[in-house]
Amino acid sequence: MPSNPLESTPGYTTVSIYDQAYHLRGQDSDHIRRLAALVDTKMRAVASHGRTVDSLRVAVLAALNLADELSQSTAGPGTGDGHARAANLRDMLDEVLEDERETGS
């Protein structure tokens, strides 16, 4: 018998994101797993560039990164320079990470 009843419940998929288990509900478990893997990868990439151990901060920075990628991929002609937006986001992330290094949080 599974340790968590949701693991055997139809419609639920168990994934691990940043070493935390989540039981997510959806019709396409493969899609859910791919999304979870993407989020996990982004969180680990953000964490590797800073000293923060606060998973909420890592999650927010990863979400900003993913949101920027999404906005760039959905931007049509005339909506601005994607490279400038990416550079701006990198600068913002660098500032946050530098603040964390200085404060040790």
PDB file of N, CA and C in Angstrom:
ATOM      1  N   MET A   1       0.841  -1.181   0.000  1.00  0.00           N
ATOM      2  CA  MET A   1       0.000   0.000   0.000  1.00  0.00           C
ATOM      3  C   MET A   1       0.884   1.241   0.000  1.00  0.00           C
ATOM      4  N   PRO A   2       0.584   2.260  -0.869  1.00  0.00           N
ATOM      5  CA  PRO A   2       1.417   3.455  -0.939  1.00  0.00           C
ATOM      6  C   PRO A   2       1.397   4.223   0.379  1.00  0.00           C
ATOM      7  N   SER A   3       2.501   4.923   0.661  1.00  0.00           N
ATOM      8  CA  SER A   3       2.580   5.702   1.889  1.00  0.00           C
ATOM      9  C   SER A   3       1.657   6.899   1.851  1.00  0.00           C
ATOM     10  N   ASN A   4       1.313   7.373   0.678  1.00  0.00           N
ATOM     11  CA  ASN A   4       0.392   8.488   0.532  1.00  0.00           C
ATOM     12  C   ASN A   4      -0.761   8.040  -0.360  1.00  0.00           C
ATOM     13  N   PRO A   5      -1.997   8.158   0.120  1.00  0.00           N
ATOM     14  CA  PRO A   5      -3.134   7.685  -0.681  1.00  0.00           C
ATOM     15  C   PRO A   5      -3.282   8.405  -2.011  1.00  0.00           C
ATOM     16  N   LEU A   6      -2.782   9.648  -2.131  1.00  0.00           N
ATOM     17  CA  LEU A   6      -2.904  10.368  -3.394  1.00  0.00           C
ATOM     18  C   LEU A   6      -2.062   9.739  -4.491  1.00  0.00           C
ATOM     19  N   GLU A   7      -1.004   9.024  -4.120  1.00  0.00           N
ATOM     20  CA  GLU A   7      -0.135   8.425  -5.122  1.00  0.00           C
ATOM     21  C   GLU A   7      -0.865   7.391  -5.974  1.00  0.00           C
ATOM     22  N   SER A   8      -1.865   6.762  -5.426  1.00  0.00           N
ATOM     23  CA  SER A   8      -2.596   5.755  -6.191  1.00  0.00           C
ATOM     24  C   SER A   8      -3.960   6.246  -6.654  1.00  0.00           C
ATOM     25  N   THR A   9      -4.288   7.500  -6.397  1.00  0.00           N
ATOM     26  CA  THR A   9      -5.570   8.064  -6.800  1.00  0.00           C
ATOM     27  C   THR A   9      -5.493   8.520  -8.251  1.00  0.00           C
ATOM     28  N   PRO A  10      -6.421   8.062  -9.085  1.00  0.00           N
ATOM     29  CA  PRO A  10      -6.413   8.492 -10.486  1.00  0.00           C
ATOM     30  C   PRO A  10      -6.527  10.013 -10.584  1.00  0.00           C
ATOM     31  N   GLY A  11      -5.766  10.589 -11.516  1.00  0.00           N
ATOM     32  CA  GLY A  11      -5.803  12.031 -11.726  1.00  0.00           C
ATOM     33  C   GLY A  11      -4.745  12.791 -10.948  1.00  0.00           C
ATOM     34  N   TYR A  12      -4.049  12.127 -10.016  1.00  0.00           N
ATOM     35  CA  TYR A  12      -2.994  12.777  -9.245  1.00  0.00           C
ATOM     36  C   TYR A  12      -1.634  12.279  -9.711  1.00  0.00           C
ATOM     37  N   THR A  13      -0.687  13.191  -9.747  1.00  0.00           N
ATOM     38  CA  THR A  13       0.683  12.862 -10.105  1.00  0.00           C
ATOM     39  C   THR A  13       1.590  13.392  -9.008  1.00  0.00           C
ATOM     40  N   THR A  14       2.479  12.576  -8.511  1.00  0.00           N
ATOM     41  CA  THR A  14       3.419  13.006  -7.483  1.00  0.00           C
ATOM     42  C   THR A  14       4.723  13.400  -8.160  1.00  0.00           C
ATOM     43  N   VAL A  15       5.175  14.624  -7.869  1.00  0.00           N
ATOM     44  CA  VAL A  15       6.421  15.127  -8.432  1.00  0.00           C
ATOM     45  C   VAL A  15       7.279  15.677  -7.298  1.00  0.00           C
ATOM     46  N   SER A  16       8.553  15.829  -7.586  1.00  0.00           N
ATOM     47  CA  SER A  16       9.470  16.426  -6.627  1.00  0.00           C
ATOM     48  C   SER A  16      10.038  17.695  -7.240  1.00  0.00           C
ATOM     49  N   ILE A  17       9.870  18.804  -6.522  1.00  0.00           N
ATOM     50  CA  ILE A  17      10.410  20.087  -6.959  1.00  0.00           C
ATOM     51  C   ILE A  17      11.251  20.640  -5.818  1.00  0.00           C
ATOM     52  N   TYR A  18      12.520  20.811  -6.074  1.00  0.00           N
ATOM     53  CA  TYR A  18      13.457  21.355  -5.095  1.00  0.00           C
ATOM     54  C   TYR A  18      13.375  20.574  -3.789  1.00  0.00           C
ATOM     55  N   ASP A  19      13.393  19.255  -3.942  1.00  0.00           N
ATOM     56  CA  ASP A  19      13.400  18.290  -2.838  1.00  0.00           C
ATOM     57  C   ASP A  19      12.121  18.284  -1.999  1.00  0.00           C
ATOM     58  N   GLN A  20      11.036  18.769  -2.563  1.00  0.00           N
ATOM     59  CA  GLN A  20       9.741  18.728  -1.891  1.00  0.00           C
ATOM     60  C   GLN A  20       8.773  17.946  -2.773  1.00  0.00           C
ATOM     61  N   ALA A  21       7.996  17.062  -2.166  1.00  0.00           N
ATOM     62  CA  ALA A  21       7.014  16.276  -2.919  1.00  0.00           C
ATOM     63  C   ALA A  21       5.714  17.066  -3.036  1.00  0.00           C
ATOM     64  N   TYR A  22       5.149  17.050  -4.221  1.00  0.00           N
ATOM     65  CA  TYR A  22       3.867  17.704  -4.485  1.00  0.00           C
ATOM     66  C   TYR A  22       2.960  16.695  -5.173  1.00  0.00           C
ATOM     67  N   HIS A  23       1.734  16.664  -4.761  1.00  0.00           N
ATOM     68  CA  HIS A  23       0.736  15.777  -5.343  1.00  0.00           C
ATOM     69  C   HIS A  23      -0.202  16.665  -6.140  1.00  0.00           C
ATOM     70  N   LEU A  24      -0.027  16.634  -7.452  1.00  0.00           N
ATOM     71  CA  LEU A  24      -0.737  17.538  -8.342  1.00  0.00           C
ATOM     72  C   LEU A  24      -1.819  16.799  -9.109  1.00  0.00           C
ATOM     73  N   ARG A  25      -2.880  17.498  -9.346  1.00  0.00           N
ATOM     74  CA  ARG A  25      -4.009  16.905 -10.041  1.00  0.00           C
ATOM     75  C   ARG A  25      -4.083  17.442 -11.455  1.00  0.00           C
ATOM     76  N   GLY A  26      -4.253  16.556 -12.395  1.00  0.00           N
ATOM     77  CA  GLY A  26      -4.358  16.945 -13.792  1.00  0.00           C
ATOM     78  C   GLY A  26      -4.541  15.720 -14.660  1.00  0.00           C
ATOM     79  N   GLN A  27      -4.938  15.956 -15.893  1.00  0.00           N
ATOM     80  CA  GLN A  27      -5.239  14.846 -16.790  1.00  0.00           C
ATOM     81  C   GLN A  27      -4.008  14.289 -17.500  1.00  0.00           C
ATOM     82  N   ASP A  28      -2.985  15.112 -17.683  1.00  0.00           N
ATOM     83  CA  ASP A  28      -1.809  14.680 -18.430  1.00  0.00           C
ATOM     84  C   ASP A  28      -0.610  14.597 -17.495  1.00  0.00           C
ATOM     85  N   SER A  29      -0.391  13.435 -16.911  1.00  0.00           N
ATOM     86  CA  SER A  29       0.675  13.281 -15.915  1.00  0.00           C
ATOM     87  C   SER A  29       2.062  13.505 -16.521  1.00  0.00           C
ATOM     88  N   ASP A  30       2.256  13.149 -17.783  1.00  0.00           N
ATOM     89  CA  ASP A  30       3.559  13.395 -18.416  1.00  0.00           C
ATOM     90  C   ASP A  30       3.838  14.891 -18.523  1.00  0.00           C
ATOM     91  N   HIS A  31       2.815  15.653 -18.877  1.00  0.00           N
ATOM     92  CA  HIS A  31       2.961  17.110 -18.979  1.00  0.00           C
ATOM     93  C   HIS A  31       3.267  17.704 -17.601  1.00  0.00           C
ATOM     94  N   ILE A  32       2.589  17.240 -16.591  1.00  0.00           N
ATOM     95  CA  ILE A  32       2.828  17.717 -15.222  1.00  0.00           C
ATOM     96  C   ILE A  32       4.262  17.410 -14.810  1.00  0.00           C
ATOM     97  N   ARG A  33       4.733  16.221 -15.121  1.00  0.00           N
ATOM     98  CA  ARG A  33       6.111  15.851 -14.778  1.00  0.00           C
ATOM     99  C   ARG A  33       7.133  16.723 -15.511  1.00  0.00           C
ATOM    100  N   ARG A  34       6.862  17.020 -16.789  1.00  0.00           N
ATOM    101  CA  ARG A  34       7.775  17.880 -17.558  1.00  0.00           C
ATOM    102  C   ARG A  34       7.803  19.295 -16.961  1.00  0.00           C
ATOM    103  N   LEU A  35       6.651  19.824 -16.604  1.00  0.00           N
ATOM    104  CA  LEU A  35       6.606  21.156 -16.002  1.00  0.00           C
ATOM    105  C   LEU A  35       7.324  21.174 -14.658  1.00  0.00           C
ATOM    106  N   ALA A  36       7.103  20.153 -13.858  1.00  0.00           N
ATOM    107  CA  ALA A  36       7.762  20.065 -12.555  1.00  0.00           C
ATOM    108  C   ALA A  36       9.274  19.983 -12.729  1.00  0.00           C
ATOM    109  N   ALA A  37       9.726  19.226 -13.710  1.00  0.00           N
ATOM    110  CA  ALA A  37      11.164  19.116 -13.969  1.00  0.00           C
ATOM    111  C   ALA A  37      11.741  20.467 -14.395  1.00  0.00           C
ATOM    112  N   LEU A  38      10.988  21.215 -15.196  1.00  0.00           N
ATOM    113  CA  LEU A  38      11.435  22.540 -15.624  1.00  0.00           C
ATOM    114  C   LEU A  38      11.558  23.481 -14.425  1.00  0.00           C
ATOM    115  N   VAL A  39      10.557  23.487 -13.559  1.00  0.00           N
ATOM    116  CA  VAL A  39      10.594  24.338 -12.372  1.00  0.00           C
ATOM    117  C   VAL A  39      11.746  23.930 -11.463  1.00  0.00           C
ATOM    118  N   ASP A  40      11.919  22.634 -11.261  1.00  0.00           N
ATOM    119  CA  ASP A  40      13.006  22.142 -10.428  1.00  0.00           C
ATOM    120  C   ASP A  40      14.360  22.577 -10.991  1.00  0.00           C
ATOM    121  N   THR A  41      14.535  22.458 -12.290  1.00  0.00           N
ATOM    122  CA  THR A  41      15.787  22.860 -12.943  1.00  0.00           C
ATOM    123  C   THR A  41      16.040  24.352 -12.765  1.00  0.00           C
ATOM    124  N   LYS A  42      15.005  25.169 -12.955  1.00  0.00           N
ATOM    125  CA  LYS A  42      15.170  26.622 -12.801  1.00  0.00           C
ATOM    126  C   LYS A  42      15.517  26.972 -11.364  1.00  0.00           C
ATOM    127  N   MET A  43      14.859  26.341 -10.404  1.00  0.00           N
ATOM    128  CA  MET A  43      15.142  26.637  -9.002  1.00  0.00           C
ATOM    129  C   MET A  43      16.573  26.266  -8.654  1.00  0.00           C
ATOM    130  N   ARG A  44      17.028  25.129  -9.138  1.00  0.00           N
ATOM    131  CA  ARG A  44      18.394  24.703  -8.841  1.00  0.00           C
ATOM    132  C   ARG A  44      19.420  25.619  -9.516  1.00  0.00           C
ATOM    133  N   ALA A  45      19.109  26.103 -10.709  1.00  0.00           N
ATOM    134  CA  ALA A  45      20.007  27.032 -11.395  1.00  0.00           C
ATOM    135  C   ALA A  45      20.109  28.347 -10.623  1.00  0.00           C
ATOM    136  N   VAL A  46      18.969  28.856 -10.157  1.00  0.00           N
ATOM    137  CA  VAL A  46      18.976  30.088  -9.370  1.00  0.00           C
ATOM    138  C   VAL A  46      19.757  29.877  -8.081  1.00  0.00           C
ATOM    139  N   ALA A  47      19.504  28.766  -7.406  1.00  0.00           N
ATOM    140  CA  ALA A  47      20.176  28.488  -6.132  1.00  0.00           C
ATOM    141  C   ALA A  47      21.683  28.343  -6.311  1.00  0.00           C
ATOM    142  N   SER A  48      22.106  27.826  -7.451  1.00  0.00           N
ATOM    143  CA  SER A  48      23.538  27.623  -7.669  1.00  0.00           C
ATOM    144  C   SER A  48      24.284  28.937  -7.860  1.00  0.00           C
ATOM    145  N   HIS A  49      23.553  30.014  -8.171  1.00  0.00           N
ATOM    146  CA  HIS A  49      24.189  31.315  -8.393  1.00  0.00           C
ATOM    147  C   HIS A  49      24.169  32.207  -7.156  1.00  0.00           C
ATOM    148  N   GLY A  50      23.648  31.710  -6.075  1.00  0.00           N
ATOM    149  CA  GLY A  50      23.579  32.519  -4.862  1.00  0.00           C
ATOM    150  C   GLY A  50      23.810  31.664  -3.642  1.00  0.00           C
ATOM    151  N   ARG A  51      23.804  32.318  -2.502  1.00  0.00           N
ATOM    152  CA  ARG A  51      24.023  31.587  -1.255  1.00  0.00           C
ATOM    153  C   ARG A  51      22.732  31.408  -0.468  1.00  0.00           C
ATOM    154  N   THR A  52      21.623  31.782  -1.044  1.00  0.00           N
ATOM    155  CA  THR A  52      20.370  31.699  -0.312  1.00  0.00           C
ATOM    156  C   THR A  52      19.950  30.256  -0.089  1.00  0.00           C
ATOM    157  N   VAL A  53      19.424  29.999   1.086  1.00  0.00           N
ATOM    158  CA  VAL A  53      18.876  28.682   1.386  1.00  0.00           C
ATOM    159  C   VAL A  53      17.358  28.781   1.552  1.00  0.00           C
ATOM    160  N   ASP A  54      16.834  29.973   1.378  1.00  0.00           N
ATOM    161  CA  ASP A  54      15.400  30.201   1.517  1.00  0.00           C
ATOM    162  C   ASP A  54      14.701  29.749   0.234  1.00  0.00           C
ATOM    163  N   SER A  55      13.983  28.655   0.318  1.00  0.00           N
ATOM    164  CA  SER A  55      13.366  28.096  -0.884  1.00  0.00           C
ATOM    165  C   SER A  55      12.304  29.026  -1.472  1.00  0.00           C
ATOM    166  N   LEU A  56      11.684  29.859  -0.649  1.00  0.00           N
ATOM    167  CA  LEU A  56      10.707  30.812  -1.189  1.00  0.00           C
ATOM    168  C   LEU A  56      11.396  31.831  -2.087  1.00  0.00           C
ATOM    169  N   ARG A  57      12.537  32.351  -1.660  1.00  0.00           N
ATOM    170  CA  ARG A  57      13.275  33.298  -2.498  1.00  0.00           C
ATOM    171  C   ARG A  57      13.727  32.634  -3.792  1.00  0.00           C
ATOM    172  N   VAL A  58      14.209  31.416  -3.684  1.00  0.00           N
ATOM    173  CA  VAL A  58      14.641  30.685  -4.871  1.00  0.00           C
ATOM    174  C   VAL A  58      13.455  30.494  -5.811  1.00  0.00           C
ATOM    175  N   ALA A  59      12.301  30.152  -5.262  1.00  0.00           N
ATOM    176  CA  ALA A  59      11.109  29.936  -6.088  1.00  0.00           C
ATOM    177  C   ALA A  59      10.677  31.219  -6.790  1.00  0.00           C
ATOM    178  N   VAL A  60      10.712  32.345  -6.073  1.00  0.00           N
ATOM    179  CA  VAL A  60      10.305  33.616  -6.679  1.00  0.00           C
ATOM    180  C   VAL A  60      11.268  33.999  -7.806  1.00  0.00           C
ATOM    181  N   LEU A  61      12.561  33.851  -7.577  1.00  0.00           N
ATOM    182  CA  LEU A  61      13.531  34.170  -8.619  1.00  0.00           C
ATOM    183  C   LEU A  61      13.373  33.241  -9.827  1.00  0.00           C
ATOM    184  N   ALA A  62      13.117  31.973  -9.581  1.00  0.00           N
ATOM    185  CA  ALA A  62      12.888  31.033 -10.678  1.00  0.00           C
ATOM    186  C   ALA A  62      11.612  31.401 -11.434  1.00  0.00           C
ATOM    187  N   ALA A  63      10.575  31.812 -10.699  1.00  0.00           N
ATOM    188  CA  ALA A  63       9.321  32.223 -11.343  1.00  0.00           C
ATOM    189  C   ALA A  63       9.539  33.447 -12.217  1.00  0.00           C
ATOM    190  N   LEU A  64      10.330  34.402 -11.749  1.00  0.00           N
ATOM    191  CA  LEU A  64      10.649  35.576 -12.566  1.00  0.00           C
ATOM    192  C   LEU A  64      11.366  35.163 -13.839  1.00  0.00           C
ATOM    193  N   ASN A  65      12.300  34.242 -13.714  1.00  0.00           N
ATOM    194  CA  ASN A  65      13.032  33.752 -14.868  1.00  0.00           C
ATOM    195  C   ASN A  65      12.087  33.095 -15.869  1.00  0.00           C
ATOM    196  N   LEU A  66      11.219  32.225 -15.389  1.00  0.00           N
ATOM    197  CA  LEU A  66      10.266  31.543 -16.273  1.00  0.00           C
ATOM    198  C   LEU A  66       9.276  32.526 -16.897  1.00  0.00           C
ATOM    199  N   ALA A  67       8.823  33.505 -16.109  1.00  0.00           N
ATOM    200  CA  ALA A  67       7.891  34.504 -16.632  1.00  0.00           C
ATOM    201  C   ALA A  67       8.550  35.317 -17.738  1.00  0.00           C
ATOM    202  N   ASP A  68       9.819  35.651 -17.553  1.00  0.00           N
ATOM    203  CA  ASP A  68      10.534  36.390 -18.592  1.00  0.00           C
ATOM    204  C   ASP A  68      10.658  35.559 -19.859  1.00  0.00           C
ATOM    205  N   GLU A  69      10.994  34.282 -19.706  1.00  0.00           N
ATOM    206  CA  GLU A  69      11.078  33.409 -20.876  1.00  0.00           C
ATOM    207  C   GLU A  69       9.736  33.322 -21.584  1.00  0.00           C
ATOM    208  N   LEU A  70       8.665  33.221 -20.825  1.00  0.00           N
ATOM    209  CA  LEU A  70       7.327  33.153 -21.417  1.00  0.00           C
ATOM    210  C   LEU A  70       6.987  34.438 -22.145  1.00  0.00           C
ATOM    211  N   SER A  71       7.276  35.572 -21.523  1.00  0.00           N
ATOM    212  CA  SER A  71       6.940  36.842 -22.166  1.00  0.00           C
ATOM    213  C   SER A  71       7.741  37.033 -23.448  1.00  0.00           C
ATOM    214  N   GLN A  72       8.976  36.563 -23.453  1.00  0.00           N
ATOM    215  CA  GLN A  72       9.782  36.674 -24.668  1.00  0.00           C
ATOM    216  C   GLN A  72       9.242  35.768 -25.775  1.00  0.00           C
ATOM    217  N   SER A  73       8.785  34.594 -25.395  1.00  0.00           N
ATOM    218  CA  SER A  73       8.313  33.651 -26.408  1.00  0.00           C
ATOM    219  C   SER A  73       6.957  34.045 -26.977  1.00  0.00           C
ATOM    220  N   THR A  74       6.171  34.815 -26.214  1.00  0.00           N
ATOM    221  CA  THR A  74       4.842  35.204 -26.688  1.00  0.00           C
ATOM    222  C   THR A  74       4.807  36.617 -27.235  1.00  0.00           C
ATOM    223  N   ALA A  75       5.930  37.336 -27.146  1.00  0.00           N
ATOM    224  CA  ALA A  75       5.980  38.712 -27.633  1.00  0.00           C
ATOM    225  C   ALA A  75       5.952  38.715 -29.150  1.00  0.00           C
ATOM    226  N   GLY A  76       5.115  39.563 -29.682  1.00  0.00           N
ATOM    227  CA  GLY A  76       5.020  39.699 -31.127  1.00  0.00           C
ATOM    228  C   GLY A  76       5.930  40.797 -31.627  1.00  0.00           C
ATOM    229  N   PRO A  77       5.889  41.043 -32.936  1.00  0.00           N
ATOM    230  CA  PRO A  77       6.710  42.112 -33.509  1.00  0.00           C
ATOM    231  C   PRO A  77       6.339  43.461 -32.910  1.00  0.00           C
ATOM    232  N   GLY A  78       7.337  44.279 -32.694  1.00  0.00           N
ATOM    233  CA  GLY A  78       7.086  45.626 -32.194  1.00  0.00           C
ATOM    234  C   GLY A  78       6.854  45.713 -30.696  1.00  0.00           C
ATOM    235  N   THR A  79       7.070  44.637 -29.969  1.00  0.00           N
ATOM    236  CA  THR A  79       6.805  44.668 -28.530  1.00  0.00           C
ATOM    237  C   THR A  79       8.062  44.965 -27.728  1.00  0.00           C
ATOM    238  N   GLY A  80       9.150  45.281 -28.386  1.00  0.00           N
ATOM    239  CA  GLY A  80      10.374  45.620 -27.660  1.00  0.00           C
ATOM    240  C   GLY A  80      11.454  44.589 -27.903  1.00  0.00           C
ATOM    241  N   ASP A  81      12.614  44.922 -27.430  1.00  0.00           N
ATOM    242  CA  ASP A  81      13.772  44.063 -27.645  1.00  0.00           C
ATOM    243  C   ASP A  81      13.866  43.007 -26.556  1.00  0.00           C
ATOM    244  N   GLY A  82      13.753  41.729 -26.923  1.00  0.00           N
ATOM    245  CA  GLY A  82      13.830  40.631 -25.958  1.00  0.00           C
ATOM    246  C   GLY A  82      15.170  40.575 -25.253  1.00  0.00           C
ATOM    247  N   HIS A  83      16.227  40.933 -25.951  1.00  0.00           N
ATOM    248  CA  HIS A  83      17.554  40.917 -25.333  1.00  0.00           C
ATOM    249  C   HIS A  83      17.654  41.951 -24.225  1.00  0.00           C
ATOM    250  N   ALA A  84      17.054  43.110 -24.432  1.00  0.00           N
ATOM    251  CA  ALA A  84      17.085  44.154 -23.404  1.00  0.00           C
ATOM    252  C   ALA A  84      16.305  43.704 -22.175  1.00  0.00           C
ATOM    253  N   ARG A  85      15.159  43.046 -22.379  1.00  0.00           N
ATOM    254  CA  ARG A  85      14.366  42.545 -21.252  1.00  0.00           C
ATOM    255  C   ARG A  85      15.149  41.487 -20.489  1.00  0.00           C
ATOM    256  N   ALA A  86      15.800  40.597 -21.218  1.00  0.00           N
ATOM    257  CA  ALA A  86      16.579  39.547 -20.558  1.00  0.00           C
ATOM    258  C   ALA A  86      17.736  40.157 -19.769  1.00  0.00           C
ATOM    259  N   ALA A  87      18.402  41.144 -20.346  1.00  0.00           N
ATOM    260  CA  ALA A  87      19.498  41.804 -19.638  1.00  0.00           C
ATOM    261  C   ALA A  87      18.982  42.511 -18.389  1.00  0.00           C
ATOM    262  N   ASN A  88      17.822  43.132 -18.496  1.00  0.00           N
ATOM    263  CA  ASN A  88      17.221  43.811 -17.347  1.00  0.00           C
ATOM    264  C   ASN A  88      16.910  42.807 -16.245  1.00  0.00           C
ATOM    265  N   LEU A  89      16.353  41.671 -16.601  1.00  0.00           N
ATOM    266  CA  LEU A  89      16.039  40.650 -15.603  1.00  0.00           C
ATOM    267  C   LEU A  89      17.321  40.107 -14.978  1.00  0.00           C
ATOM    268  N   ARG A  90      18.328  39.864 -15.780  1.00  0.00           N
ATOM    269  CA  ARG A  90      19.606  39.400 -15.234  1.00  0.00           C
ATOM    270  C   ARG A  90      20.164  40.404 -14.235  1.00  0.00           C
ATOM    271  N   ASP A  91      20.060  41.692 -14.582  1.00  0.00           N
ATOM    272  CA  ASP A  91      20.545  42.729 -13.663  1.00  0.00           C
ATOM    273  C   ASP A  91      19.768  42.699 -12.353  1.00  0.00           C
ATOM    274  N   MET A  92      18.444  42.543 -12.442  1.00  0.00           N
ATOM    275  CA  MET A  92      17.622  42.492 -11.232  1.00  0.00           C
ATOM    276  C   MET A  92      18.002  41.284 -10.386  1.00  0.00           C
ATOM    277  N   LEU A  93      18.183  40.139 -11.021  1.00  0.00           N
ATOM    278  CA  LEU A  93      18.560  38.928 -10.290  1.00  0.00           C
ATOM    279  C   LEU A  93      19.937  39.086  -9.662  1.00  0.00           C
ATOM    280  N   ASP A  94      20.861  39.690 -10.406  1.00  0.00           N
ATOM    281  CA  ASP A  94      22.202  39.914  -9.857  1.00  0.00           C
ATOM    282  C   ASP A  94      22.146  40.797  -8.621  1.00  0.00           C
ATOM    283  N   GLU A  95      21.303  41.832  -8.659  1.00  0.00           N
ATOM    284  CA  GLU A  95      21.171  42.720  -7.503  1.00  0.00           C
ATOM    285  C   GLU A  95      20.644  41.964  -6.292  1.00  0.00           C
ATOM    286  N   VAL A  96      19.617  41.140  -6.497  1.00  0.00           N
ATOM    287  CA  VAL A  96      19.044  40.376  -5.387  1.00  0.00           C
ATOM    288  C   VAL A  96      20.076  39.406  -4.829  1.00  0.00           C
ATOM    289  N   LEU A  97      20.762  38.709  -5.708  1.00  0.00           N
ATOM    290  CA  LEU A  97      21.755  37.745  -5.257  1.00  0.00           C
ATOM    291  C   LEU A  97      22.918  38.436  -4.549  1.00  0.00           C
ATOM    292  N   GLU A  98      23.329  39.601  -5.038  1.00  0.00           N
ATOM    293  CA  GLU A  98      24.405  40.347  -4.377  1.00  0.00           C
ATOM    294  C   GLU A  98      23.961  40.801  -2.995  1.00  0.00           C
ATOM    295  N   ASP A  99      22.712  41.273  -2.881  1.00  0.00           N
ATOM    296  CA  ASP A  99      22.184  41.659  -1.568  1.00  0.00           C
ATOM    297  C   ASP A  99      22.209  40.468  -0.612  1.00  0.00           C
ATOM    298  N   GLU A 100      21.854  39.286  -1.105  1.00  0.00           N
ATOM    299  CA  GLU A 100      21.858  38.099  -0.272  1.00  0.00           C
ATOM    300  C   GLU A 100      23.272  37.741   0.164  1.00  0.00           C
ATOM    301  N   ARG A 101      24.219  37.896  -0.741  1.00  0.00           N
ATOM    302  CA  ARG A 101      25.619  37.602  -0.375  1.00  0.00           C
ATOM    303  C   ARG A 101      26.098  38.549   0.713  1.00  0.00           C
ATOM    304  N   GLU A 102      25.726  39.821   0.587  1.00  0.00           N
ATOM    305  CA  GLU A 102      26.165  40.820   1.556  1.00  0.00           C
ATOM    306  C   GLU A 102      25.519  40.623   2.922  1.00  0.00           C
ATOM    307  N   THR A 103      24.239  40.255   2.921  1.00  0.00           N
ATOM    308  CA  THR A 103      23.528  40.092   4.201  1.00  0.00           C
ATOM    309  C   THR A 103      23.656  38.692   4.746  1.00  0.00           C
ATOM    310  N   GLY A 104      24.061  37.756   3.899  1.00  0.00           N
ATOM    311  CA  GLY A 104      24.197  36.367   4.344  1.00  0.00           C
ATOM    312  C   GLY A 104      22.876  35.657   4.520  1.00  0.00           C
ATOM    313  N   SER A 105      21.794  36.204   3.931  1.00  0.00           N
ATOM    314  CA  SER A 105      20.476  35.552   4.056  1.00  0.00           C
ATOM    315  C   SER A 105      20.142  34.741   2.836  1.00  0.00           C
TER     316      SER A 105
END
